[in-house]
Amino acid sequence: MRSSRSLSGARIAIRPLPQRASRRRWSVIWTSSTPCRGISCAPRALRRSPASACLPKPRRKAVPRAVRRGTEGFGPRSLSRRLGELLPGFPDVAVCVAFSGGADSTALLAALAQLERAPLKVRALHVDHRLHPHSGRWAAHCRRVARVLGVPLEVRTANVAPRRGESPEAAARAARYRLLAAALAPQEALLTAHHEDDQLETVLLQLLRGAGLAGIAAMPARAAFARGALVRPLLPWSRAELTAWVRSQGLEWIEDPGNAELRRDRNYLRTRVLPLIRERWPAAAATVARAARHAAEAQRLLDALGAADAARASFGAMLSAKRLRALPPERRRNALRFWITAAGHLPPPASRLEEIAGPLLQARADAQPVVTWQGALLQRQADLLSLRAAHRAGGGPDASPGALAPGSLEEVSWPWRRRRTCALPGPGGRLTLKRDARGPLDLDALPAILTIRARRGGERLRPLRGGRRRALKSLLQEARVPVAQRARLPLIFAAQTLIAVADLWLDESVQASAASRRRARLIWSAA
């Protein structure tokens, strides 16, 4: 049998080949007198599909990355592996999901609910900012979804009050994280649904704003937060992957109409700019995320250097202007930036940081200059720099919850044997007992519970062995501690006996000797 057929200027000839093992095979020859685009043609094709072997192949459709990555696509199992990398002890941990009701946080909450790992304790928290007329409906939607998933949900209402020059979105974010921090239990991890596209947008926005390494490093996968940790487990996955998975589960989600407003920088970048970037550089999100990791690594080195420089210049929770001036300008700025952020404040703008590192440090000792920025006030008195929460124009304290004015530290009990660090209220910093074989403090001389409070007047202690008891006022005057800073010093008592003044002086009764078996060092730090 032999046949041929014409097709738009081309001729196809088909002829049989010798039979082999009861399977008949055919040879297909394509000849053409007209130009045509490249054709992939198999010289021999099975009889059941002879034409498909020679016809022009259609363009291959793009395969979603979730499919290409196979087992690395988003789902409960891949999320479980990711959390195992980020949370020590997983799954024997407690997690709280910041649940907005959007596709991303719905994916996170639903995947966690499907893990069915007995030790894992999952709950969700929704913050109603009351900035949109439908915010009540959104809260109701979150309750329905959480009920379907079998996850307990708490809804809290935020009081959003933008400061002068602050956008409503930034104020809402600050209020949201204050509520989340207050709601977090000790050692509980807060999980947010930030993903790969969020990371790309954040890095580009920070670059356009002239940010430094800390800004370019964008969002870390894990960071300390409140009494636990802030974890972003979805950074390896894109928005499209998460949305596709939620859709496959038959779940509904909320679309915030504010995400379509192009007046917001992030929305403009997402809608107008990123599609063009992805068209030219399809792997932009992954490569930019890699650049952010490099920046984060470099920032960790700067933080280590800043911590060392700040420690050498520290006077308790304050810094010595004289010691800062001895540093090169770039290290001086780095030490100040580290000290400020370690105390829980936002870093100052570049212009404010230059003002602190230059004119404020060079001012006369009696000038008492002050620099303020969003939520913070830095003041120099004599040789010492102090930092505290700023106050609003109306006289009320700024946003830090529980912030206390200097000198208003109430009595705090410190069971130091159970926890070696004691966080003081407001801007009081923290006290830490650090084991040190050469430390000046004898741990065996301490009672089980110490009491910490502010100075009230009349306190005395014996700072030198065999010496006389000295009035604390005299010691502070001799050390030239500014009057305004004296009330901020935490005093540590054993019953009614003053045994330490911050990390400046120890009473003879707790000082280590050659016979001391357990020694430590008391450290007062800004955070």
Protein backbone atom coordinates (compact mmCIF):
# COMPACT_ATOMS: atom_id res chain seq x y z
CA MET A 1 0.00 0.00 0.00
CA ARG A 2 1.32 3.43 -0.91
CA SER A 3 -0.45 6.78 -0.99
CA SER A 4 0.26 10.48 -1.24
CA ARG A 5 -1.75 13.59 -0.50
CA SER A 6 -1.24 17.29 -1.25
CA LEU A 7 -1.69 19.93 1.43
CA SER A 8 -1.29 23.64 0.54
CA GLY A 9 1.76 23.31 -1.64
CA ALA A 10 3.23 20.35 0.23
CA ARG A 11 3.07 16.64 -0.46
CA ILE A 12 2.94 13.89 2.11
CA ALA A 13 4.03 10.43 1.02
CA ILE A 14 3.29 7.40 3.18
CA ARG A 15 4.76 3.98 2.52
CA PRO A 16 4.89 0.83 4.65
CA LEU A 17 8.07 -0.56 6.13
CA PRO A 18 8.78 -4.26 6.73
CA GLN A 19 6.70 -5.71 9.52
CA ARG A 20 8.39 -6.50 12.80
CA ALA A 21 6.78 -8.59 15.49
CA SER A 22 3.17 -8.01 14.36
CA ARG A 23 3.52 -4.22 14.59
CA ARG A 24 3.17 -2.44 11.28
CA ARG A 25 5.25 0.75 10.98
CA TRP A 26 5.02 3.57 8.47
CA SER A 27 7.53 5.96 6.96
CA VAL A 28 6.25 9.50 6.50
CA ILE A 29 7.95 11.90 4.07
CA TRP A 30 7.04 15.60 3.92
CA THR A 31 8.12 17.64 0.92
CA SER A 32 7.24 21.26 0.30
CA SER A 33 7.79 23.78 -2.47
CA THR A 34 6.97 26.77 -0.30
CA PRO A 35 8.95 28.32 2.55
CA CYS A 36 7.72 27.34 6.00
CA ARG A 37 8.80 27.71 9.60
CA GLY A 38 10.83 25.05 11.32
CA ILE A 39 9.11 21.68 11.60
CA SER A 40 10.03 19.01 14.09
CA CYS A 41 9.46 15.73 12.24
CA ALA A 42 10.07 12.19 13.43
CA PRO A 43 11.36 9.90 10.65
CA ARG A 44 9.21 7.05 11.92
CA ALA A 45 5.91 7.36 13.70
CA LEU A 46 3.45 4.85 15.12
CA ARG A 47 0.38 4.25 13.03
CA ARG A 48 -2.01 5.53 15.68
CA SER A 49 -0.69 9.15 15.34
CA PRO A 50 1.20 9.56 12.05
CA ALA A 51 0.27 13.17 11.28
CA SER A 52 1.05 14.63 14.72
CA ALA A 53 4.67 13.62 14.38
CA CYS A 54 5.22 15.92 11.43
CA LEU A 55 2.89 18.88 11.88
CA PRO A 56 4.34 22.10 13.34
CA LYS A 57 4.30 21.84 17.13
CA PRO A 58 2.25 24.46 19.01
CA ARG A 59 3.98 26.84 21.41
CA ARG A 60 4.28 25.30 24.85
CA LYS A 61 2.15 26.96 27.49
CA ALA A 62 3.92 28.39 30.51
CA VAL A 63 3.79 25.95 33.40
CA PRO A 64 2.98 27.49 36.77
CA ARG A 65 5.98 27.42 39.08
CA ALA A 66 4.03 25.42 41.64
CA VAL A 67 3.78 22.60 39.09
CA ARG A 68 7.40 22.93 37.98
CA ARG A 69 8.66 22.67 41.55
CA GLY A 70 6.65 19.52 42.18
CA THR A 71 6.70 18.77 45.89
CA GLU A 72 7.96 22.30 46.59
CA GLY A 73 4.61 23.80 45.57
CA PHE A 74 2.59 25.33 48.37
CA GLY A 75 0.57 23.05 50.60
CA PRO A 76 0.39 21.73 54.16
CA ARG A 77 3.41 19.44 53.76
CA SER A 78 5.71 22.05 52.27
CA LEU A 79 4.53 24.58 54.86
CA SER A 80 5.29 22.07 57.60
CA ARG A 81 8.84 21.65 56.30
CA ARG A 82 9.27 25.41 56.14
CA LEU A 83 8.05 25.92 59.71
CA GLY A 84 10.40 23.17 60.85
CA GLU A 85 13.27 25.29 59.51
CA LEU A 86 12.06 28.50 61.16
CA LEU A 87 10.64 27.35 64.50
CA PRO A 88 12.84 25.31 66.85
CA GLY A 89 10.80 22.52 68.40
CA PHE A 90 8.14 22.50 65.66
CA PRO A 91 5.46 21.11 65.80
CA ASP A 92 5.46 21.35 69.59
CA VAL A 93 4.90 25.11 69.45
CA ALA A 94 2.08 27.64 69.75
CA VAL A 95 1.41 29.90 66.76
CA CYS A 96 -0.95 32.83 66.18
CA VAL A 97 -1.86 33.70 62.58
CA ALA A 98 -2.43 37.36 61.69
CA PHE A 99 -5.60 36.70 59.68
CA SER A 100 -6.86 39.51 57.44
CA GLY A 101 -9.20 37.32 55.38
CA GLY A 102 -7.24 37.89 52.16
CA ALA A 103 -6.08 35.05 49.93
CA ASP A 104 -2.58 34.96 51.41
CA SER A 105 -3.52 34.70 55.08
CA THR A 106 -6.36 32.31 54.15
CA ALA A 107 -3.80 30.01 52.52
CA LEU A 108 -1.62 30.15 55.62
CA LEU A 109 -4.44 29.47 58.08
CA ALA A 110 -6.06 26.72 55.97
CA ALA A 111 -2.76 24.89 55.42
CA LEU A 112 -1.99 25.02 59.14
CA ALA A 113 -5.46 23.68 59.94
CA GLN A 114 -4.78 20.69 57.66
CA LEU A 115 -1.49 19.72 59.28
CA GLU A 116 -3.25 17.75 62.03
CA ARG A 117 -0.12 17.64 64.17
CA ALA A 118 -1.25 17.07 67.76
CA PRO A 119 1.36 19.17 69.61
CA LEU A 120 0.83 22.14 67.28
CA LYS A 121 -1.44 24.80 68.79
CA VAL A 122 -2.94 27.19 66.21
CA ARG A 123 -5.09 30.25 66.75
CA ALA A 124 -5.87 33.33 64.67
CA LEU A 125 -6.22 37.04 65.34
CA HIS A 126 -8.05 39.53 63.12
CA VAL A 127 -7.58 43.28 63.59
CA ASP A 128 -10.49 45.51 62.56
CA HIS A 129 -9.03 48.93 61.74
CA ARG A 130 -12.48 50.49 61.13
CA LEU A 131 -11.09 52.46 58.18
CA HIS A 132 -13.51 50.96 55.62
CA PRO A 133 -17.32 50.86 55.80
CA HIS A 134 -17.24 47.09 55.17
CA SER A 135 -14.67 46.29 57.85
CA GLY A 136 -17.39 44.75 60.03
CA ARG A 137 -18.33 42.39 57.18
CA TRP A 138 -14.69 41.43 56.79
CA ALA A 139 -14.48 40.52 60.47
CA ALA A 140 -17.64 38.40 60.11
CA HIS A 141 -16.12 36.66 57.08
CA CYS A 142 -12.99 35.83 59.08
CA ARG A 143 -15.12 34.34 61.84
CA ARG A 144 -16.92 32.10 59.30
CA VAL A 145 -13.69 30.89 57.71
CA ALA A 146 -12.06 30.19 61.08
CA ARG A 147 -15.17 28.28 62.19
CA VAL A 148 -15.08 26.14 59.02
CA LEU A 149 -11.38 25.42 59.55
CA GLY A 150 -11.85 24.67 63.24
CA VAL A 151 -9.38 27.34 64.37
CA PRO A 152 -10.17 29.66 67.32
CA LEU A 153 -10.27 33.31 66.25
CA GLU A 154 -10.08 36.53 68.24
CA VAL A 155 -11.16 39.86 66.71
CA ARG A 156 -9.68 43.07 68.10
CA THR A 157 -10.51 46.64 67.14
CA ALA A 158 -7.71 49.11 66.48
CA ASN A 159 -7.78 52.80 67.28
CA VAL A 160 -6.00 54.36 64.29
CA ALA A 161 -4.82 57.93 64.95
CA PRO A 162 -2.22 59.09 62.39
CA ARG A 163 0.48 61.41 63.68
CA ARG A 164 1.34 64.58 61.87
CA GLY A 165 2.78 63.66 58.47
CA GLU A 166 1.86 59.99 58.86
CA SER A 167 -0.37 58.25 56.30
CA PRO A 168 -3.51 56.38 57.44
CA GLU A 169 -1.99 53.15 56.08
CA ALA A 170 1.20 53.57 58.15
CA ALA A 171 -0.83 54.45 61.24
CA ALA A 172 -3.05 51.39 60.70
CA ARG A 173 0.00 49.16 60.38
CA ALA A 174 1.51 50.55 63.61
CA ALA A 175 -1.79 50.11 65.46
CA ARG A 176 -2.15 46.57 64.12
CA TYR A 177 1.27 45.47 65.30
CA ARG A 178 0.73 47.06 68.72
CA LEU A 179 -2.42 44.97 69.12
CA LEU A 180 -0.71 41.83 67.83
CA ALA A 181 2.20 42.35 70.23
CA ALA A 182 -0.15 42.85 73.17
CA ALA A 183 -2.14 39.71 72.27
CA LEU A 184 0.87 37.42 71.84
CA ALA A 185 1.47 34.94 74.65
CA PRO A 186 4.98 34.25 76.01
CA GLN A 187 7.01 32.08 73.59
CA GLU A 188 4.18 32.19 71.02
CA ALA A 189 5.10 32.81 67.37
CA LEU A 190 3.15 35.31 65.30
CA LEU A 191 2.81 34.10 61.69
CA THR A 192 2.16 36.60 58.91
CA ALA A 193 1.34 35.83 55.26
CA HIS A 194 3.98 37.95 53.53
CA HIS A 195 5.05 36.17 50.34
CA GLU A 196 7.66 36.41 47.58
CA ASP A 197 5.87 39.19 45.70
CA ASP A 198 5.60 41.26 48.89
CA GLN A 199 9.35 40.89 49.34
CA LEU A 200 10.02 42.04 45.77
CA GLU A 201 7.77 45.08 46.19
CA THR A 202 9.36 45.96 49.54
CA VAL A 203 12.93 45.83 48.22
CA LEU A 204 12.11 47.98 45.18
CA LEU A 205 10.22 50.53 47.29
CA GLN A 206 13.11 50.75 49.74
CA LEU A 207 15.57 51.31 46.89
CA LEU A 208 13.38 54.07 45.46
CA ARG A 209 13.30 55.71 48.90
CA GLY A 210 17.09 55.62 49.23
CA ALA A 211 17.17 53.07 52.04
CA GLY A 212 20.33 51.56 53.46
CA LEU A 213 21.19 47.91 53.93
CA ALA A 214 18.56 47.37 56.61
CA GLY A 215 15.85 48.57 54.23
CA ILE A 216 17.13 46.57 51.27
CA ALA A 217 17.28 43.46 53.45
CA ALA A 218 13.49 43.92 53.60
CA MET A 219 11.54 41.34 55.60
CA PRO A 220 13.42 38.60 57.45
CA ALA A 221 11.85 35.16 57.63
CA ARG A 222 12.12 35.28 61.43
CA ALA A 223 12.63 38.08 63.95
CA ALA A 224 12.14 38.66 67.66
CA PHE A 225 8.73 40.17 68.42
CA ALA A 226 7.01 41.05 71.70
CA ARG A 227 7.36 38.02 74.00
CA GLY A 228 7.88 35.57 71.15
CA ALA A 229 8.85 35.70 67.48
CA LEU A 230 7.53 37.08 64.20
CA VAL A 231 7.73 34.44 61.46
CA ARG A 232 7.03 34.84 57.73
CA PRO A 233 6.85 31.27 56.41
CA LEU A 234 5.36 32.11 52.98
CA LEU A 235 8.30 34.07 51.55
CA PRO A 236 9.31 31.21 49.20
CA TRP A 237 5.92 31.26 47.41
CA SER A 238 4.30 33.77 45.07
CA ARG A 239 0.91 35.43 45.33
CA ALA A 240 -0.32 33.41 42.32
CA GLU A 241 0.66 30.09 43.92
CA LEU A 242 -1.10 30.89 47.18
CA THR A 243 -4.25 32.11 45.42
CA ALA A 244 -4.35 29.01 43.20
CA TRP A 245 -4.07 26.76 46.25
CA VAL A 246 -6.85 28.57 48.12
CA ARG A 247 -9.06 28.28 45.03
CA SER A 248 -8.33 24.56 44.82
CA GLN A 249 -9.57 24.18 48.40
CA GLY A 250 -12.89 25.84 47.58
CA LEU A 251 -12.31 28.66 50.05
CA GLU A 252 -13.37 32.28 49.62
CA TRP A 253 -11.33 35.32 50.51
CA ILE A 254 -11.64 39.10 50.80
CA GLU A 255 -10.39 41.50 48.14
CA ASP A 256 -9.54 44.82 49.75
CA PRO A 257 -10.66 47.56 47.31
CA GLY A 258 -7.82 49.70 48.63
CA ASN A 259 -5.37 47.43 46.78
CA ALA A 260 -6.58 48.93 43.48
CA GLU A 261 -5.83 52.55 44.42
CA LEU A 262 -2.87 53.63 42.31
CA ARG A 263 -2.16 56.64 44.54
CA ARG A 264 -0.46 54.21 46.90
CA ASP A 265 3.13 53.52 45.91
CA ARG A 266 2.96 49.77 46.48
CA ASN A 267 -0.20 49.39 44.41
CA TYR A 268 1.29 51.43 41.56
CA LEU A 269 4.43 49.32 41.62
CA ARG A 270 2.42 46.09 41.70
CA THR A 271 0.00 47.07 38.92
CA ARG A 272 2.05 49.17 36.50
CA VAL A 273 5.74 48.45 37.04
CA LEU A 274 6.17 44.82 38.09
CA PRO A 275 4.37 43.31 35.06
CA LEU A 276 6.96 44.98 32.80
CA ILE A 277 9.82 43.80 35.00
CA ARG A 278 8.55 40.22 35.01
CA GLU A 279 8.08 40.26 31.25
CA ARG A 280 11.75 41.08 30.79
CA TRP A 281 13.11 39.26 33.88
CA PRO A 282 10.73 36.38 34.76
CA ALA A 283 12.84 35.33 37.76
CA ALA A 284 12.98 38.84 39.23
CA ALA A 285 11.27 37.89 42.49
CA ALA A 286 13.72 35.08 43.23
CA THR A 287 16.84 37.06 42.30
CA VAL A 288 15.76 40.15 44.25
CA ALA A 289 15.02 37.93 47.25
CA ARG A 290 18.57 36.61 46.97
CA ALA A 291 19.91 40.17 46.92
CA ALA A 292 17.85 40.92 50.04
CA ARG A 293 19.45 37.95 51.79
CA HIS A 294 22.92 39.26 50.90
CA ALA A 295 21.97 42.68 52.30
CA ALA A 296 20.63 41.06 55.47
CA GLU A 297 23.92 39.21 55.96
CA ALA A 298 25.89 42.44 55.58
CA GLN A 299 23.51 44.19 57.98
CA ARG A 300 24.12 41.51 60.61
CA LEU A 301 27.83 42.29 60.43
CA LEU A 302 27.09 46.00 60.88
CA ASP A 303 24.82 45.20 63.83
CA ALA A 304 27.56 43.17 65.50
CA LEU A 305 29.99 46.06 65.07
CA GLY A 306 27.36 48.55 66.27
CA ALA A 307 26.63 46.45 69.35
CA ALA A 308 30.33 46.32 70.24
CA ASP A 309 30.83 50.06 69.72
CA ALA A 310 27.67 50.94 71.67
CA ALA A 311 28.73 48.66 74.52
CA ARG A 312 32.11 50.40 74.77
CA ALA A 313 30.37 53.79 74.84
CA SER A 314 27.58 52.76 77.20
CA PHE A 315 26.86 54.06 80.66
CA GLY A 316 24.05 51.72 81.60
CA ALA A 317 21.22 52.41 79.15
CA MET A 318 22.88 55.71 78.13
CA LEU A 319 25.81 56.50 75.85
CA SER A 320 28.89 58.60 76.47
CA ALA A 321 29.28 61.46 73.98
CA LYS A 322 33.04 61.50 74.57
CA ARG A 323 33.44 57.83 73.65
CA LEU A 324 31.22 58.22 70.58
CA ARG A 325 33.29 61.15 69.34
CA ALA A 326 36.36 58.90 69.41
CA LEU A 327 34.83 56.67 66.71
CA PRO A 328 35.16 57.31 62.95
CA PRO A 329 32.03 59.06 61.57
CA GLU A 330 30.59 55.99 59.83
CA ARG A 331 31.04 53.77 62.90
CA ARG A 332 29.62 56.53 65.11
CA ARG A 333 26.45 56.66 62.99
CA ASN A 334 26.24 52.87 62.93
CA ALA A 335 26.58 52.63 66.73
CA LEU A 336 23.88 55.27 67.25
CA ARG A 337 21.55 53.57 64.79
CA PHE A 338 22.02 50.22 66.51
CA TRP A 339 21.48 51.70 70.00
CA ILE A 340 18.29 53.45 68.91
CA THR A 341 16.73 50.45 67.17
CA ALA A 342 17.79 48.07 69.95
CA ALA A 343 15.76 50.25 72.33
CA GLY A 344 12.67 49.58 70.22
CA HIS A 345 12.49 52.91 68.39
CA LEU A 346 12.30 53.55 64.67
CA PRO A 347 15.66 54.54 63.19
CA PRO A 348 15.94 58.29 62.63
CA PRO A 349 15.98 59.71 59.10
CA ALA A 350 19.43 60.30 57.63
CA SER A 351 19.24 64.05 58.32
CA ARG A 352 18.38 63.47 62.00
CA LEU A 353 21.13 60.88 62.38
CA GLU A 354 23.65 63.34 60.96
CA GLU A 355 22.42 65.94 63.45
CA ILE A 356 22.91 63.53 66.35
CA ALA A 357 26.32 62.27 65.22
CA GLY A 358 27.56 65.80 64.50
CA PRO A 359 26.18 68.95 66.18
CA LEU A 360 24.59 67.19 69.16
CA LEU A 361 27.79 65.35 70.10
CA GLN A 362 29.93 68.46 69.53
CA ALA A 363 27.69 70.81 71.54
CA ARG A 364 28.79 72.36 74.84
CA ALA A 365 28.32 70.15 77.90
CA ASP A 366 25.71 72.53 79.35
CA ALA A 367 23.73 72.98 76.12
CA GLN A 368 21.38 69.98 76.64
CA PRO A 369 20.45 69.64 72.92
CA VAL A 370 17.44 67.52 71.89
CA VAL A 371 16.64 65.71 68.63
CA THR A 372 13.21 64.21 67.99
CA TRP A 373 11.72 62.06 65.24
CA GLN A 374 8.77 59.74 64.91
CA GLY A 375 7.99 58.48 68.41
CA ALA A 376 11.44 59.11 69.92
CA LEU A 377 13.34 61.82 71.77
CA LEU A 378 17.13 61.81 72.17
CA GLN A 379 18.71 64.25 74.61
CA ARG A 380 22.26 65.00 75.67
CA GLN A 381 22.93 66.16 79.22
CA ALA A 382 26.56 66.74 80.17
CA ASP A 383 28.38 63.78 78.60
CA LEU A 384 25.45 61.35 78.46
CA LEU A 385 22.91 60.64 75.72
CA SER A 386 19.51 59.34 76.78
CA LEU A 387 16.63 58.03 74.71
CA ARG A 388 12.95 57.86 75.52
CA ALA A 389 9.52 57.90 73.93
CA ALA A 390 8.53 61.31 72.63
CA HIS A 391 5.37 63.07 73.73
CA ARG A 392 2.57 64.37 71.60
CA ALA A 393 1.83 68.06 71.35
CA GLY A 394 -1.08 67.58 73.74
CA GLY A 395 1.24 66.27 76.41
CA GLY A 396 0.20 62.63 76.25
CA PRO A 397 2.80 59.92 75.88
CA ASP A 398 3.59 58.64 72.45
CA ALA A 399 2.68 55.31 71.00
CA SER A 400 4.74 52.91 73.06
CA PRO A 401 2.31 50.88 75.20
CA GLY A 402 2.99 51.05 78.90
CA ALA A 403 5.66 53.73 78.53
CA LEU A 404 6.51 55.40 81.82
CA ALA A 405 7.96 58.81 82.43
CA PRO A 406 11.46 58.86 83.92
CA GLY A 407 11.33 58.26 87.64
CA SER A 408 7.91 56.59 87.62
CA LEU A 409 9.22 53.01 87.69
CA GLU A 410 7.04 51.07 90.09
CA GLU A 411 8.37 48.11 92.04
CA VAL A 412 9.10 45.11 89.85
CA SER A 413 9.75 41.62 91.24
CA TRP A 414 12.53 39.67 89.57
CA PRO A 415 12.72 35.89 90.21
CA TRP A 416 16.20 35.80 88.71
CA ARG A 417 16.74 32.06 89.16
CA ARG A 418 13.90 31.34 86.72
CA ARG A 419 14.71 34.10 84.22
CA ARG A 420 18.05 35.81 84.03
CA THR A 421 16.67 38.85 82.17
CA CYS A 422 14.14 41.31 83.56
CA ALA A 423 12.42 43.69 81.13
CA LEU A 424 11.59 47.01 82.78
CA PRO A 425 8.41 48.94 81.88
CA GLY A 426 8.42 51.62 79.19
CA PRO A 427 11.84 53.05 78.32
CA GLY A 428 13.55 51.47 81.33
CA GLY A 429 15.50 48.93 79.28
CA ARG A 430 16.32 45.57 80.81
CA LEU A 431 18.56 44.01 83.44
CA THR A 432 20.47 40.79 82.77
CA LEU A 433 22.48 38.52 85.04
CA LYS A 434 25.19 37.00 82.87
CA ARG A 435 27.32 34.17 84.23
CA ASP A 436 30.98 35.17 84.23
CA ALA A 437 33.81 33.31 85.97
CA ARG A 438 35.44 36.68 86.69
CA GLY A 439 32.24 38.61 87.34
CA PRO A 440 32.05 40.99 90.33
CA LEU A 441 28.70 39.66 91.59
CA ASP A 442 28.32 36.63 93.90
CA LEU A 443 25.15 34.80 92.83
CA ASP A 444 25.03 32.78 96.06
CA ALA A 445 24.66 36.04 98.00
CA LEU A 446 21.39 36.92 96.25
CA PRO A 447 17.92 36.02 97.54
CA ALA A 448 15.56 34.14 95.20
CA ILE A 449 13.57 37.27 94.37
CA LEU A 450 14.98 40.74 93.81
CA THR A 451 13.01 43.99 93.78
CA ILE A 452 13.63 46.77 91.27
CA ARG A 453 12.39 50.32 91.59
CA ALA A 454 13.34 53.91 90.81
CA ARG A 455 15.21 56.26 93.13
CA ARG A 456 13.15 57.94 95.84
CA GLY A 457 15.88 59.65 97.84
CA GLY A 458 17.91 58.72 100.89
CA GLU A 459 19.30 55.45 99.47
CA ARG A 460 22.74 54.34 100.70
CA LEU A 461 25.16 51.49 99.93
CA ARG A 462 28.75 50.42 100.57
CA PRO A 463 30.47 50.22 97.13
CA LEU A 464 33.95 49.39 98.49
CA ARG A 465 34.87 46.45 100.69
CA GLY A 466 35.66 47.70 104.17
CA GLY A 467 34.61 51.20 103.19
CA ARG A 468 31.87 53.31 104.65
CA ARG A 469 28.28 53.47 103.50
CA ARG A 470 27.79 56.22 100.95
CA ALA A 471 24.72 58.21 100.00
CA LEU A 472 23.63 57.38 96.47
CA LYS A 473 23.21 61.10 95.79
CA SER A 474 26.92 61.67 96.49
CA LEU A 475 27.96 58.80 94.21
CA LEU A 476 25.84 60.16 91.37
CA GLN A 477 27.28 63.64 91.80
CA GLU A 478 30.85 62.33 91.77
CA ALA A 479 30.11 60.32 88.61
CA ARG A 480 28.59 63.48 87.04
CA VAL A 481 25.37 61.69 86.14
CA PRO A 482 22.93 64.38 84.88
CA VAL A 483 20.14 65.19 87.32
CA ALA A 484 17.44 64.35 84.77
CA GLN A 485 18.93 60.88 84.27
CA ARG A 486 19.26 59.90 87.91
CA ALA A 487 15.59 59.07 88.29
CA ARG A 488 15.85 56.62 85.37
CA LEU A 489 18.46 54.41 87.03
CA PRO A 490 16.98 51.07 88.18
CA LEU A 491 17.84 50.28 91.80
CA ILE A 492 18.02 46.59 92.82
CA PHE A 493 17.05 45.61 96.36
CA ALA A 494 17.33 42.44 98.42
CA ALA A 495 14.41 42.91 100.79
CA GLN A 496 15.00 46.50 101.99
CA THR A 497 18.74 46.58 101.29
CA LEU A 498 20.04 48.37 98.21
CA ILE A 499 22.50 45.96 96.58
CA ALA A 500 23.02 47.47 93.10
CA VAL A 501 22.52 50.70 91.17
CA ALA A 502 21.92 49.62 87.58
CA ASP A 503 25.28 48.17 86.50
CA LEU A 504 27.24 51.06 88.03
CA TRP A 505 27.77 50.04 91.68
CA LEU A 506 27.39 46.87 93.76
CA ASP A 507 27.00 46.78 97.51
CA GLU A 508 29.73 45.00 99.49
CA SER A 509 27.21 42.35 100.63
CA VAL A 510 26.90 40.86 97.11
CA GLN A 511 30.40 41.45 95.77
CA ALA A 512 32.29 38.31 94.74
CA SER A 513 35.44 37.17 96.51
CA ALA A 514 38.08 34.53 95.84
CA ALA A 515 35.86 31.99 97.61
CA SER A 516 32.79 32.68 95.43
CA ARG A 517 31.75 29.59 93.44
CA ARG A 518 29.16 31.19 91.15
CA ARG A 519 29.87 34.61 89.73
CA ALA A 520 28.00 36.86 87.33
CA ARG A 521 27.92 40.29 85.83
CA LEU A 522 24.87 42.60 86.04
CA ILE A 523 24.14 44.34 82.74
CA TRP A 524 21.70 47.21 82.21
CA SER A 525 20.93 47.68 78.53
CA ALA A 526 18.52 49.76 76.51
CA ALA A 527 16.60 46.74 75.18
